[in-house]
Amino acid sequence: MSTSDNQIPAAGTGAPDFTLPGQDGADVSLTDFTGKWVVLYFYPKDDTPGCTTEACDFTAGIKAFEKLNAVVLGVSPDSVASHQKFTAKHKLDLTLLSDEDKSVLRKYGAWRLKKIYGKEMMGVARSTFLIRPDGTIAYVWSDVQAAGHADEVKEKLAELSQ
């Protein structure tokens, strides 16, 4: 699939629906959270330095997200078993979703051509979508730096949810 097929949905448009297995094995759908804000973040790989920083930062701020009527969902192409190990090892308090066929990554334009160590290859572009309680996208971060990102998302959520 070419990168032109992986358009990043824009703020103001409807968030593409999905159903994926969570780390507990149960299916999770975007529509399960109608009426809540959803922080949907895409990350490359469980238990790598940047991804661990990001997941731990979201976990550290989870109570603040909950007070703002928000849930945090992390998506990567890792398996449910991998998510279980990652969650247990780092005591993560958020839902991780397994997108092994990369269908949701593609819907959100997070599966892209990347340049890694001078080589071009398809991979997960760290990105985050803030989705309104009505299912529209409120804000998009398309090239995220892991450290400090959870706080940035929390600040934007607080601003937009007033």
Protein backbone atom coordinates (compact mmCIF):
# COMPACT_ATOMS: atom_id res chain seq x y z
CA MET A 1 0.00 0.00 0.00
CA SER A 2 1.44 3.39 -0.91
CA THR A 3 1.62 6.24 1.56
CA SER A 4 -0.93 8.20 -0.50
CA ASP A 5 -3.52 5.60 0.58
CA ASN A 6 -2.76 6.43 4.20
CA GLN A 7 -4.13 9.94 4.52
CA ILE A 8 -4.11 11.39 8.01
CA PRO A 9 -7.69 12.26 9.00
CA ALA A 10 -8.04 15.98 9.66
CA ALA A 11 -9.43 17.82 12.66
CA GLY A 12 -13.14 18.43 12.21
CA THR A 13 -13.76 15.14 10.37
CA GLY A 14 -15.31 12.00 11.78
CA ALA A 15 -12.86 9.63 13.43
CA PRO A 16 -12.65 6.34 11.53
CA ASP A 17 -14.38 3.63 13.57
CA PHE A 18 -12.57 0.45 14.54
CA THR A 19 -12.70 -2.64 16.71
CA LEU A 20 -9.45 -4.16 17.97
CA PRO A 21 -8.50 -6.60 20.74
CA GLY A 22 -7.23 -5.00 23.93
CA GLN A 23 -4.50 -6.38 26.16
CA ASP A 24 -7.10 -8.40 28.09
CA GLY A 25 -8.23 -10.08 24.85
CA ALA A 26 -11.64 -8.35 24.76
CA ASP A 27 -12.64 -6.36 21.69
CA VAL A 28 -12.63 -2.58 22.07
CA SER A 29 -14.45 -0.29 19.63
CA LEU A 30 -14.22 3.46 19.26
CA THR A 31 -18.02 3.60 19.59
CA ASP A 32 -17.70 2.10 23.11
CA PHE A 33 -16.60 5.57 24.20
CA THR A 34 -19.32 7.74 22.66
CA GLY A 35 -19.88 10.62 25.09
CA LYS A 36 -16.24 10.63 26.24
CA TRP A 37 -13.11 12.24 24.89
CA VAL A 38 -10.71 9.68 23.43
CA VAL A 39 -6.95 10.06 23.28
CA LEU A 40 -5.99 7.63 20.52
CA TYR A 41 -2.24 7.30 20.22
CA PHE A 42 -0.25 5.17 17.82
CA TYR A 43 3.21 3.91 18.75
CA PRO A 44 5.76 1.64 17.07
CA LYS A 45 6.66 -1.13 19.53
CA ASP A 46 6.04 -2.32 23.07
CA ASP A 47 8.88 -2.03 25.58
CA THR A 48 11.18 0.18 23.50
CA PRO A 49 12.57 3.35 25.11
CA GLY A 50 10.35 6.00 23.47
CA CYS A 51 7.22 3.88 23.59
CA THR A 52 7.78 3.03 27.25
CA THR A 53 8.29 6.71 28.10
CA GLU A 54 5.08 7.66 26.32
CA ALA A 55 2.98 4.86 27.89
CA CYS A 56 4.33 5.53 31.38
CA ASP A 57 3.67 9.28 31.00
CA PHE A 58 0.07 8.63 29.93
CA THR A 59 -0.31 6.25 32.91
CA ALA A 60 1.12 8.86 35.31
CA GLY A 61 -1.50 11.35 34.13
CA ILE A 62 -4.43 8.93 33.79
CA LYS A 63 -6.40 10.40 36.73
CA ALA A 64 -6.22 13.87 35.15
CA PHE A 65 -7.46 12.46 31.83
CA GLU A 66 -10.32 10.69 33.63
CA LYS A 67 -11.29 13.96 35.38
CA LEU A 68 -11.53 15.51 31.90
CA ASN A 69 -13.92 12.69 30.82
CA ALA A 70 -11.26 11.07 28.63
CA VAL A 71 -9.95 7.58 27.99
CA VAL A 72 -6.49 6.82 26.64
CA LEU A 73 -6.07 4.11 24.00
CA GLY A 74 -2.66 3.09 22.67
CA VAL A 75 -2.39 1.21 19.37
CA SER A 76 0.57 -0.69 17.92
CA PRO A 77 1.03 -3.68 15.62
CA ASP A 78 2.21 -5.78 18.60
CA SER A 79 0.24 -8.85 19.69
CA VAL A 80 -2.15 -9.04 22.64
CA ALA A 81 0.45 -11.19 24.47
CA SER A 82 3.10 -8.51 23.90
CA HIS A 83 0.73 -5.85 25.27
CA GLN A 84 0.04 -8.01 28.33
CA LYS A 85 3.76 -8.30 29.11
CA PHE A 86 4.36 -4.57 28.47
CA THR A 87 1.42 -3.57 30.69
CA ALA A 88 2.49 -5.88 33.54
CA LYS A 89 6.18 -4.94 33.38
CA HIS A 90 5.55 -1.19 33.57
CA LYS A 91 2.28 -1.26 35.57
CA LEU A 92 0.48 0.61 32.79
CA ASP A 93 -3.02 1.89 33.56
CA LEU A 94 -4.40 2.37 30.06
CA THR A 95 -5.83 0.26 27.28
CA LEU A 96 -3.44 -1.02 24.62
CA LEU A 97 -4.93 -2.30 21.38
CA SER A 98 -3.38 -4.83 19.02
CA ASP A 99 -3.49 -3.94 15.30
CA GLU A 100 -1.44 -6.78 13.88
CA ASP A 101 -2.85 -6.40 10.35
CA LYS A 102 -2.25 -2.62 10.53
CA SER A 103 -5.77 -1.85 9.29
CA VAL A 104 -6.43 0.87 11.90
CA LEU A 105 -2.90 2.23 11.58
CA ARG A 106 -3.64 2.68 7.86
CA LYS A 107 -7.07 4.28 8.47
CA TYR A 108 -5.39 6.91 10.63
CA GLY A 109 -2.38 7.43 8.35
CA ALA A 110 0.00 6.16 11.04
CA TRP A 111 1.46 3.38 8.86
CA ARG A 112 3.84 5.37 6.67
CA LEU A 113 7.04 5.33 4.75
CA LYS A 114 9.78 6.28 7.21
CA LYS A 115 13.48 6.84 6.90
CA ILE A 116 15.37 4.88 9.55
CA TYR A 117 19.15 5.02 9.59
CA GLY A 118 19.10 6.17 5.97
CA LYS A 119 16.84 3.34 4.77
CA GLU A 120 13.25 3.83 3.69
CA MET A 121 10.74 1.38 5.10
CA MET A 122 7.13 1.22 6.16
CA GLY A 123 6.59 1.69 9.87
CA VAL A 124 4.46 3.27 12.57
CA ALA A 125 4.67 7.04 12.74
CA ARG A 126 4.13 8.05 16.35
CA SER A 127 0.93 10.08 16.20
CA THR A 128 -2.05 11.02 18.39
CA PHE A 129 -5.67 11.91 17.73
CA LEU A 130 -7.84 13.73 20.23
CA ILE A 131 -11.43 12.67 19.51
CA ARG A 132 -14.45 14.61 20.78
CA PRO A 133 -17.31 12.90 22.63
CA ASP A 134 -19.37 13.15 19.41
CA GLY A 135 -16.76 11.14 17.45
CA THR A 136 -15.16 14.00 15.50
CA ILE A 137 -11.44 14.61 15.56
CA ALA A 138 -10.60 17.68 17.64
CA TYR A 139 -6.82 17.76 17.23
CA VAL A 140 -4.05 15.80 15.50
CA TRP A 141 -0.37 15.38 16.34
CA SER A 142 1.24 13.66 13.35
CA ASP A 143 4.93 13.45 14.33
CA VAL A 144 5.19 13.05 18.07
CA GLN A 145 8.22 13.17 20.32
CA ALA A 146 7.48 10.72 23.16
CA ALA A 147 8.88 12.67 26.12
CA GLY A 148 6.41 15.28 27.35
CA HIS A 149 3.72 14.35 24.84
CA ALA A 150 1.17 13.13 27.41
CA ASP A 151 1.30 16.53 29.15
CA GLU A 152 0.87 18.31 25.82
CA VAL A 153 -2.21 16.20 25.06
CA LYS A 154 -3.62 16.81 28.55
CA GLU A 155 -3.20 20.59 28.15
CA LYS A 156 -4.93 20.57 24.74
CA LEU A 157 -7.75 18.41 26.12
CA ALA A 158 -8.25 20.79 29.07
CA GLU A 159 -8.33 23.75 26.66
CA LEU A 160 -10.80 22.15 24.23
CA SER A 161 -13.12 20.60 26.79
CA GLN A 162 -14.01 23.87 28.55
